[in-house]
N, C-alpha and C. Protein backbone atom coordinates (compact mmCIF):
# COMPACT_ATOMS: atom_id res chain seq x y z
N UNK A 1 170.32 116.71 66.81
CA UNK A 1 169.08 117.41 66.89
C UNK A 1 168.20 116.76 67.93
N UNK A 2 168.30 115.46 67.97
CA UNK A 2 167.52 114.74 68.94
C UNK A 2 167.98 115.07 70.35
N UNK A 3 169.22 115.26 70.49
CA UNK A 3 169.74 115.60 71.80
C UNK A 3 169.25 116.96 72.27
N UNK A 4 169.16 117.93 71.40
CA UNK A 4 168.71 119.26 71.78
C UNK A 4 167.25 119.20 72.20
N UNK A 5 166.46 118.45 71.46
CA UNK A 5 165.06 118.31 71.81
C UNK A 5 164.89 117.57 73.11
N UNK A 6 165.76 116.57 73.35
CA UNK A 6 165.68 115.81 74.59
C UNK A 6 166.02 116.70 75.78
N UNK A 7 167.03 117.51 75.59
CA UNK A 7 167.43 118.42 76.67
C UNK A 7 166.29 119.41 76.98
N UNK A 8 165.65 119.85 75.94
CA UNK A 8 164.55 120.78 76.13
C UNK A 8 163.40 120.11 76.87
N UNK A 9 163.09 118.89 76.48
CA UNK A 9 162.03 118.14 77.11
C UNK A 9 162.37 117.82 78.56
N UNK A 10 163.63 117.48 78.79
CA UNK A 10 164.09 117.17 80.14
C UNK A 10 164.00 118.39 81.05
N UNK A 11 164.37 119.56 80.55
CA UNK A 11 164.31 120.79 81.37
C UNK A 11 162.87 121.16 81.69
N UNK A 12 161.95 120.95 80.75
CA UNK A 12 160.54 121.25 81.01
C UNK A 12 159.98 120.32 82.06
N UNK A 13 160.39 119.04 82.00
CA UNK A 13 159.93 118.05 82.96
C UNK A 13 160.45 118.37 84.35
N UNK A 14 161.70 118.78 84.45
CA UNK A 14 162.28 119.13 85.76
C UNK A 14 161.61 120.37 86.36
N UNK A 15 161.29 121.34 85.55
CA UNK A 15 160.64 122.54 86.09
C UNK A 15 159.22 122.21 86.57
N UNK A 16 158.52 121.31 85.88
CA UNK A 16 157.18 120.92 86.32
C UNK A 16 157.24 120.17 87.63
N UNK A 17 158.26 119.33 87.80
CA UNK A 17 158.42 118.60 89.05
C UNK A 17 158.76 119.57 90.18
N UNK A 18 159.57 120.58 89.90
CA UNK A 18 159.95 121.57 90.92
C UNK A 18 158.73 122.37 91.37
N UNK A 19 157.84 122.70 90.44
CA UNK A 19 156.63 123.45 90.78
C UNK A 19 155.72 122.59 91.64
N UNK A 20 155.58 121.29 91.29
CA UNK A 20 154.75 120.39 92.09
C UNK A 20 155.32 120.24 93.49
N UNK A 21 156.65 120.17 93.62
CA UNK A 21 157.28 120.02 94.93
C UNK A 21 157.04 121.29 95.77
N UNK A 22 157.10 122.44 95.13
CA UNK A 22 156.89 123.70 95.86
C UNK A 22 155.44 123.78 96.35
N UNK A 23 154.51 123.32 95.52
CA UNK A 23 153.11 123.34 95.92
C UNK A 23 152.85 122.36 97.06
N UNK A 24 153.56 121.28 97.08
CA UNK A 24 153.37 120.28 98.13
C UNK A 24 153.85 120.80 99.47
N UNK A 25 154.85 121.68 99.48
CA UNK A 25 155.37 122.22 100.73
C UNK A 25 154.45 123.28 101.33
N UNK A 26 153.63 123.90 100.53
CA UNK A 26 152.73 124.95 101.04
C UNK A 26 151.62 124.30 101.85
N UNK A 27 151.31 124.86 103.02
CA UNK A 27 150.21 124.29 103.79
C UNK A 27 148.88 124.66 103.14
N UNK A 28 147.99 123.77 103.20
CA UNK A 28 146.68 124.05 102.63
C UNK A 28 145.87 124.87 103.63
N UNK A 29 145.19 125.87 103.15
CA UNK A 29 144.42 126.70 104.08
C UNK A 29 143.25 125.92 104.65
N UNK A 30 143.05 126.10 105.94
CA UNK A 30 141.93 125.45 106.59
C UNK A 30 140.95 126.52 107.03
N UNK A 31 139.70 126.25 106.94
CA UNK A 31 138.74 127.27 107.36
C UNK A 31 138.82 127.50 108.86
N UNK A 32 138.72 128.77 109.22
CA UNK A 32 138.77 129.11 110.64
C UNK A 32 137.39 128.88 111.24
N UNK A 33 137.37 128.44 112.47
CA UNK A 33 136.05 128.20 113.08
C UNK A 33 135.34 129.53 113.29
N UNK A 34 134.10 129.55 113.02
CA UNK A 34 133.32 130.77 113.23
C UNK A 34 132.93 130.86 114.70
N UNK A 35 132.91 132.06 115.24
CA UNK A 35 132.54 132.18 116.65
C UNK A 35 131.08 131.77 116.85
N UNK A 36 130.86 131.22 117.98
CA UNK A 36 129.50 130.78 118.30
C UNK A 36 128.61 132.00 118.44
N UNK A 37 127.40 131.93 118.00
CA UNK A 37 126.51 133.09 118.15
C UNK A 37 126.28 133.38 119.62
N UNK A 38 126.25 134.67 119.91
CA UNK A 38 126.05 135.08 121.29
C UNK A 38 124.61 134.81 121.69
N UNK A 39 124.47 134.62 122.97
CA UNK A 39 123.13 134.34 123.50
C UNK A 39 122.28 135.59 123.31
N UNK A 40 121.02 135.39 123.11
CA UNK A 40 120.12 136.52 122.92
C UNK A 40 120.09 137.34 124.20
N UNK A 41 119.98 138.66 124.07
CA UNK A 41 119.97 139.49 125.27
C UNK A 41 118.79 139.14 126.16
N UNK A 42 118.99 139.40 127.42
CA UNK A 42 117.93 139.09 128.38
C UNK A 42 116.68 139.88 128.02
N UNK A 43 115.60 139.35 128.39
CA UNK A 43 114.33 139.97 128.05
C UNK A 43 114.25 141.32 128.77
N UNK A 44 114.08 142.37 127.99
CA UNK A 44 114.05 143.71 128.56
C UNK A 44 112.68 143.95 129.20
N UNK A 45 112.74 144.68 130.28
CA UNK A 45 111.49 145.01 130.96
C UNK A 45 110.78 146.09 130.15
N UNK A 46 109.53 145.94 129.94
CA UNK A 46 108.82 146.99 129.20
C UNK A 46 108.77 148.25 130.07
N UNK A 47 109.17 149.37 129.46
CA UNK A 47 109.15 150.63 130.20
C UNK A 47 107.85 151.35 129.88
N UNK A 48 107.28 151.90 130.90
CA UNK A 48 106.06 152.67 130.70
C UNK A 48 106.43 154.13 130.81
N UNK A 49 105.93 154.91 129.91
CA UNK A 49 106.21 156.34 129.93
C UNK A 49 105.29 157.01 130.93
N UNK A 50 105.87 157.98 131.62
CA UNK A 50 105.10 158.72 132.61
C UNK A 50 104.25 159.73 131.88
N UNK A 51 103.01 159.76 132.24
CA UNK A 51 102.09 160.73 131.67
C UNK A 51 101.84 161.79 132.72
N UNK A 52 102.15 163.03 132.38
CA UNK A 52 101.96 164.12 133.31
C UNK A 52 100.54 164.65 133.17
N UNK A 53 99.96 164.98 134.31
CA UNK A 53 98.58 165.47 134.33
C UNK A 53 98.56 166.87 134.89
N UNK A 54 97.40 167.47 134.92
CA UNK A 54 97.25 168.80 135.50
C UNK A 54 97.54 168.79 137.00
N UNK A 55 97.27 167.66 137.65
CA UNK A 55 97.58 167.56 139.08
C UNK A 55 99.08 167.72 139.32
N UNK A 56 99.89 167.16 138.43
CA UNK A 56 101.34 167.32 138.56
C UNK A 56 101.75 168.78 138.41
N UNK A 57 101.12 169.49 137.48
CA UNK A 57 101.43 170.90 137.29
C UNK A 57 101.06 171.73 138.51
N UNK A 58 99.90 171.45 139.10
CA UNK A 58 99.48 172.19 140.29
C UNK A 58 100.40 171.90 141.46
N UNK A 59 100.85 170.67 141.60
CA UNK A 59 101.76 170.32 142.68
C UNK A 59 103.11 171.02 142.50
N UNK A 60 103.54 171.17 141.26
CA UNK A 60 104.81 171.85 141.00
C UNK A 60 104.70 173.33 141.30
N UNK A 61 103.54 173.93 141.08
CA UNK A 61 103.36 175.35 141.38
C UNK A 61 103.39 175.60 142.89
N UNK A 62 102.87 174.67 143.64
CA UNK A 62 102.83 174.83 145.10
C UNK A 62 104.22 174.68 145.70
N UNK A 63 105.07 173.89 145.08
CA UNK A 63 106.41 173.64 145.60
C UNK A 63 107.40 174.32 144.65
N UNK A 64 107.92 175.51 144.99
CA UNK A 64 108.82 176.22 144.07
C UNK A 64 110.16 175.49 143.95
N UNK A 65 110.75 175.62 142.78
CA UNK A 65 112.05 174.98 142.55
C UNK A 65 113.16 175.87 143.07
N UNK A 66 114.33 175.30 143.23
CA UNK A 66 115.48 176.04 143.75
C UNK A 66 115.93 177.09 142.75
N UNK A 67 115.68 176.88 141.49
CA UNK A 67 116.09 177.85 140.48
C UNK A 67 115.19 179.08 140.53
N UNK A 68 113.91 178.86 140.74
CA UNK A 68 112.98 179.97 140.73
C UNK A 68 113.01 180.77 142.03
N UNK A 69 113.24 180.10 143.14
CA UNK A 69 113.18 180.77 144.43
C UNK A 69 114.34 180.26 145.29
N UNK A 70 115.26 181.15 145.63
CA UNK A 70 116.43 180.75 146.41
C UNK A 70 116.06 180.39 147.84
N UNK A 71 114.90 180.80 148.30
CA UNK A 71 114.52 180.46 149.67
C UNK A 71 114.26 178.96 149.80
N UNK A 72 114.00 178.26 148.71
CA UNK A 72 113.77 176.82 148.77
C UNK A 72 115.04 176.09 149.18
N UNK A 73 116.21 176.63 148.87
CA UNK A 73 117.47 175.99 149.25
C UNK A 73 118.11 176.68 150.44
N UNK A 74 117.50 177.71 150.93
CA UNK A 74 118.05 178.40 152.09
C UNK A 74 119.00 179.52 151.69
N UNK A 75 119.15 179.82 150.42
CA UNK A 75 120.04 180.88 149.98
C UNK A 75 119.35 182.22 150.03
N UNK A 76 120.14 183.26 149.92
CA UNK A 76 119.58 184.60 149.91
C UNK A 76 119.67 185.16 148.50
N UNK A 77 118.62 185.80 148.04
CA UNK A 77 118.68 186.37 146.69
C UNK A 77 119.70 187.50 146.63
N UNK A 78 120.30 187.67 145.46
CA UNK A 78 121.33 188.68 145.27
C UNK A 78 120.69 190.03 145.02
N UNK A 79 121.16 191.01 145.78
CA UNK A 79 120.77 192.39 145.54
C UNK A 79 122.04 193.21 145.55
N UNK A 80 122.34 193.92 144.47
CA UNK A 80 123.58 194.70 144.44
C UNK A 80 123.52 195.83 145.46
N UNK A 81 124.66 196.10 146.05
CA UNK A 81 124.71 197.16 147.06
C UNK A 81 124.74 198.52 146.36
N UNK A 82 124.43 199.53 147.09
CA UNK A 82 124.42 200.89 146.54
C UNK A 82 125.82 201.32 146.14
N UNK A 83 126.83 200.75 146.77
CA UNK A 83 128.22 201.15 146.47
C UNK A 83 128.64 200.69 145.08
N UNK A 84 128.10 199.56 144.62
CA UNK A 84 128.51 199.05 143.31
C UNK A 84 127.72 199.66 142.17
N UNK A 85 126.56 200.26 142.46
CA UNK A 85 125.77 200.88 141.40
C UNK A 85 126.27 202.30 141.16
N UNK A 86 126.55 202.62 139.90
CA UNK A 86 126.99 204.00 139.64
C UNK A 86 125.80 204.96 139.72
N UNK A 87 126.02 206.06 140.36
CA UNK A 87 124.98 207.08 140.45
C UNK A 87 125.20 208.10 139.35
N UNK A 88 124.11 208.60 138.85
CA UNK A 88 124.21 209.62 137.81
C UNK A 88 124.81 210.90 138.38
N UNK A 89 124.64 211.13 139.68
CA UNK A 89 125.17 212.35 140.30
C UNK A 89 126.68 212.26 140.47
N UNK A 90 127.23 211.04 140.61
CA UNK A 90 128.66 210.89 140.83
C UNK A 90 129.46 211.14 139.55
N UNK A 91 128.87 210.91 138.41
CA UNK A 91 129.59 211.06 137.16
C UNK A 91 129.58 212.52 136.74
N UNK A 92 130.73 213.01 136.33
CA UNK A 92 130.75 214.40 135.88
C UNK A 92 130.00 214.53 134.55
N UNK A 93 129.28 215.59 134.41
CA UNK A 93 128.53 215.84 133.19
C UNK A 93 129.49 216.47 132.20
N UNK A 94 129.65 215.78 131.05
CA UNK A 94 130.58 216.28 130.04
C UNK A 94 129.84 217.22 129.10
N UNK A 95 130.60 218.14 128.60
CA UNK A 95 130.06 219.07 127.62
C UNK A 95 129.90 218.33 126.30
N UNK A 96 128.70 218.28 125.71
CA UNK A 96 128.52 217.56 124.45
C UNK A 96 129.40 218.10 123.33
N UNK A 97 129.63 219.39 123.30
CA UNK A 97 130.47 219.96 122.25
C UNK A 97 131.92 219.50 122.41
N UNK A 98 132.38 219.40 123.66
CA UNK A 98 133.75 218.95 123.90
C UNK A 98 133.89 217.47 123.54
N UNK A 99 132.85 216.69 123.86
CA UNK A 99 132.89 215.26 123.53
C UNK A 99 132.89 215.07 122.01
N UNK A 100 132.10 215.87 121.29
CA UNK A 100 132.07 215.78 119.83
C UNK A 100 133.41 216.19 119.24
N UNK A 101 134.02 217.23 119.79
CA UNK A 101 135.33 217.67 119.31
C UNK A 101 136.38 216.59 119.56
N UNK A 102 136.28 215.90 120.70
CA UNK A 102 137.22 214.82 121.02
C UNK A 102 137.04 213.66 120.02
N UNK A 103 135.79 213.32 119.71
CA UNK A 103 135.54 212.24 118.75
C UNK A 103 136.04 212.61 117.36
N UNK A 104 135.87 213.86 116.97
CA UNK A 104 136.35 214.32 115.66
C UNK A 104 137.88 214.24 115.61
N UNK A 105 138.53 214.65 116.69
CA UNK A 105 139.99 214.59 116.73
C UNK A 105 140.48 213.14 116.66
N UNK A 106 139.80 212.23 117.36
CA UNK A 106 140.18 210.82 117.30
C UNK A 106 139.98 210.25 115.90
N UNK A 107 138.89 210.65 115.24
CA UNK A 107 138.62 210.16 113.88
C UNK A 107 139.67 210.69 112.91
N UNK A 108 140.08 211.96 113.07
CA UNK A 108 141.11 212.52 112.20
C UNK A 108 142.44 211.79 112.40
N UNK A 109 142.75 211.43 113.65
CA UNK A 109 143.97 210.68 113.92
C UNK A 109 143.90 209.29 113.30
N UNK A 110 142.72 208.67 113.35
CA UNK A 110 142.54 207.36 112.73
C UNK A 110 142.73 207.44 111.22
N UNK A 111 142.17 208.48 110.61
CA UNK A 111 142.31 208.64 109.15
C UNK A 111 143.77 208.85 108.78
N UNK A 112 144.50 209.63 109.57
CA UNK A 112 145.92 209.86 109.28
C UNK A 112 146.71 208.56 109.42
N UNK A 113 146.40 207.76 110.44
CA UNK A 113 147.11 206.49 110.62
C UNK A 113 146.81 205.54 109.47
N UNK A 114 145.57 205.50 109.00
CA UNK A 114 145.22 204.64 107.86
C UNK A 114 145.91 205.11 106.58
N UNK A 115 146.01 206.43 106.40
CA UNK A 115 146.70 206.97 105.23
C UNK A 115 148.18 206.60 105.27
N UNK A 116 148.80 206.73 106.45
CA UNK A 116 150.22 206.35 106.59
C UNK A 116 150.43 204.87 106.29
N UNK A 117 149.52 204.03 106.77
CA UNK A 117 149.63 202.59 106.54
C UNK A 117 149.48 202.28 105.04
N UNK A 118 148.55 202.96 104.37
CA UNK A 118 148.35 202.75 102.93
C UNK A 118 149.60 203.17 102.15
N UNK A 119 150.22 204.29 102.56
CA UNK A 119 151.45 204.74 101.90
C UNK A 119 152.60 203.75 102.12
N UNK A 120 152.71 203.18 103.31
CA UNK A 120 153.75 202.18 103.58
C UNK A 120 153.55 200.95 102.71
N UNK A 121 152.30 200.51 102.57
CA UNK A 121 152.02 199.36 101.71
C UNK A 121 152.34 199.67 100.25
N UNK A 122 152.03 200.90 99.80
CA UNK A 122 152.35 201.31 98.44
C UNK A 122 153.85 201.25 98.20
N UNK A 123 154.62 201.81 99.13
CA UNK A 123 156.07 201.81 99.00
C UNK A 123 156.62 200.38 99.01
N UNK A 124 156.05 199.52 99.83
CA UNK A 124 156.52 198.13 99.93
C UNK A 124 156.26 197.39 98.62
N UNK A 125 155.08 197.57 98.01
CA UNK A 125 154.84 196.81 96.79
C UNK A 125 155.53 197.45 95.58
N UNK A 126 155.87 198.73 95.64
CA UNK A 126 156.66 199.32 94.55
C UNK A 126 158.10 198.79 94.57
N UNK A 127 158.61 198.46 95.76
CA UNK A 127 159.97 197.95 95.87
C UNK A 127 160.07 196.45 95.66
N UNK A 128 158.96 195.74 95.77
CA UNK A 128 158.98 194.28 95.69
C UNK A 128 159.14 193.80 94.26
N UNK A 129 159.78 192.63 94.12
CA UNK A 129 159.92 192.00 92.80
C UNK A 129 159.14 190.69 92.73
N UNK A 130 158.56 190.26 93.84
CA UNK A 130 157.80 189.02 93.89
C UNK A 130 156.34 189.31 93.55
N UNK A 131 155.85 188.64 92.52
CA UNK A 131 154.48 188.89 92.05
C UNK A 131 153.44 188.58 93.12
N UNK A 132 153.61 187.47 93.82
CA UNK A 132 152.64 187.09 94.86
C UNK A 132 152.63 188.11 95.99
N UNK A 133 153.81 188.60 96.36
CA UNK A 133 153.88 189.60 97.43
C UNK A 133 153.23 190.91 96.97
N UNK A 134 153.44 191.29 95.72
CA UNK A 134 152.83 192.51 95.19
C UNK A 134 151.31 192.41 95.23
N UNK A 135 150.78 191.26 94.80
CA UNK A 135 149.33 191.08 94.83
C UNK A 135 148.79 191.12 96.25
N UNK A 136 149.51 190.50 97.20
CA UNK A 136 149.08 190.50 98.60
C UNK A 136 149.10 191.92 99.15
N UNK A 137 150.17 192.67 98.86
CA UNK A 137 150.29 194.03 99.37
C UNK A 137 149.22 194.95 98.77
N UNK A 138 148.91 194.76 97.49
CA UNK A 138 147.87 195.57 96.87
C UNK A 138 146.51 195.29 97.50
N UNK A 139 146.24 194.01 97.81
CA UNK A 139 144.98 193.66 98.45
C UNK A 139 144.90 194.28 99.85
N UNK A 140 146.01 194.22 100.59
CA UNK A 140 146.03 194.85 101.93
C UNK A 140 145.81 196.34 101.82
N UNK A 141 146.47 196.98 100.82
CA UNK A 141 146.33 198.41 100.65
C UNK A 141 144.88 198.77 100.30
N UNK A 142 144.23 197.95 99.48
CA UNK A 142 142.84 198.22 99.13
C UNK A 142 141.95 198.16 100.37
N UNK A 143 142.19 197.17 101.25
CA UNK A 143 141.40 197.07 102.48
C UNK A 143 141.62 198.30 103.35
N UNK A 144 142.87 198.76 103.45
CA UNK A 144 143.18 199.94 104.27
C UNK A 144 142.51 201.17 103.68
N UNK A 145 142.57 201.31 102.34
CA UNK A 145 141.95 202.47 101.70
C UNK A 145 140.43 202.44 101.85
N UNK A 146 139.84 201.25 101.82
CA UNK A 146 138.39 201.15 102.05
C UNK A 146 138.03 201.58 103.47
N UNK A 147 138.83 201.13 104.45
CA UNK A 147 138.58 201.56 105.84
C UNK A 147 138.76 203.06 105.99
N UNK A 148 139.76 203.63 105.26
CA UNK A 148 139.99 205.07 105.33
C UNK A 148 138.80 205.82 104.75
N UNK A 149 138.25 205.31 103.64
CA UNK A 149 137.09 205.96 103.01
C UNK A 149 135.90 205.93 103.95
N UNK A 150 135.67 204.79 104.64
CA UNK A 150 134.58 204.69 105.60
C UNK A 150 134.79 205.67 106.76
N UNK A 151 136.04 205.80 107.22
CA UNK A 151 136.33 206.72 108.32
C UNK A 151 136.11 208.16 107.89
N UNK A 152 136.46 208.48 106.65
CA UNK A 152 136.24 209.85 106.16
C UNK A 152 134.75 210.15 106.06
N UNK A 153 133.95 209.16 105.64
CA UNK A 153 132.50 209.36 105.57
C UNK A 153 131.93 209.56 106.98
N UNK A 154 132.43 208.80 107.94
CA UNK A 154 131.99 208.95 109.34
C UNK A 154 132.38 210.33 109.88
N UNK A 155 133.59 210.79 109.53
CA UNK A 155 134.03 212.10 109.97
C UNK A 155 133.15 213.19 109.36
N UNK A 156 132.79 213.04 108.10
CA UNK A 156 131.91 214.03 107.46
C UNK A 156 130.54 214.03 108.13
N UNK A 157 130.06 212.85 108.51
CA UNK A 157 128.78 212.77 109.21
C UNK A 157 128.87 213.44 110.57
N UNK A 158 130.00 213.25 111.26
CA UNK A 158 130.18 213.86 112.58
C UNK A 158 130.21 215.38 112.48
N UNK A 159 130.83 215.87 111.44
CA UNK A 159 130.93 217.31 111.27
C UNK A 159 129.63 217.91 110.77
N UNK A 160 128.71 217.06 110.32
CA UNK A 160 127.42 217.57 109.86
C UNK A 160 127.36 217.75 108.36
N UNK A 161 128.38 217.35 107.66
CA UNK A 161 128.39 217.47 106.21
C UNK A 161 127.75 216.25 105.57
N UNK A 162 127.63 216.29 104.29
CA UNK A 162 127.05 215.17 103.55
C UNK A 162 128.08 214.05 103.51
N UNK A 163 127.60 212.83 103.64
CA UNK A 163 128.49 211.69 103.68
C UNK A 163 128.47 210.94 102.35
N UNK A 164 128.50 211.64 101.28
CA UNK A 164 128.48 210.95 100.00
C UNK A 164 128.64 211.95 98.88
N UNK A 165 128.59 211.47 97.66
CA UNK A 165 128.72 212.41 96.54
C UNK A 165 127.52 213.34 96.48
N UNK A 166 127.75 214.50 95.95
CA UNK A 166 126.66 215.49 95.86
C UNK A 166 125.62 214.97 94.89
N UNK A 167 124.35 215.19 95.20
CA UNK A 167 123.31 214.71 94.29
C UNK A 167 123.37 215.46 92.96
N UNK A 168 123.09 214.77 91.90
CA UNK A 168 123.10 215.41 90.58
C UNK A 168 121.76 216.13 90.38
N UNK A 169 121.82 217.34 89.87
CA UNK A 169 120.56 218.07 89.69
C UNK A 169 119.76 217.43 88.54
N UNK A 170 118.47 217.51 88.68
CA UNK A 170 117.60 216.96 87.64
C UNK A 170 117.11 218.09 86.75
N UNK A 171 116.80 217.74 85.56
CA UNK A 171 116.30 218.72 84.61
C UNK A 171 114.84 219.06 84.93
N UNK A 172 114.48 220.28 84.69
CA UNK A 172 113.09 220.67 84.91
C UNK A 172 112.21 220.01 83.89
N UNK A 173 111.05 219.52 84.31
CA UNK A 173 110.18 218.86 83.34
C UNK A 173 109.64 219.87 82.32
N UNK A 174 109.44 219.42 81.12
CA UNK A 174 108.75 220.25 80.16
C UNK A 174 109.46 220.52 78.97
């Protein structure tokens, strides 16, 4: 029994010596020298702010700047030539009724294209099995249908009809 205790004591003593030896091999940290403080900046010259007076304003008015007057830099001011300006006489006068009919035809074509696009989106989300794709396609279809509704209201306005639901009649008082 004494031998077992001795062995235990001996092993504890050896491990303590090994720890001390390991600590002795480690270098001790030394403080790093701190950098010397930098010299104070040179004495700055005091700056005085320029105070503008009315005399400065009058002098500026007498001497035009290059931005205000191109003659100060020797440039010539820009004047467009008659060839670049469109004349009202050169443009053909369009018939207002024909222009309105053209706009109505374009609006009807736009409505048909929006309707076709909405139907394609409907068919695509009816065939889809992916929930996220179905939700995305329904949102796109709603946007297209909203644009179609706005175009139909614009078309009704162009044709001179009412651009909204018919007003509900009110009851006679009494």
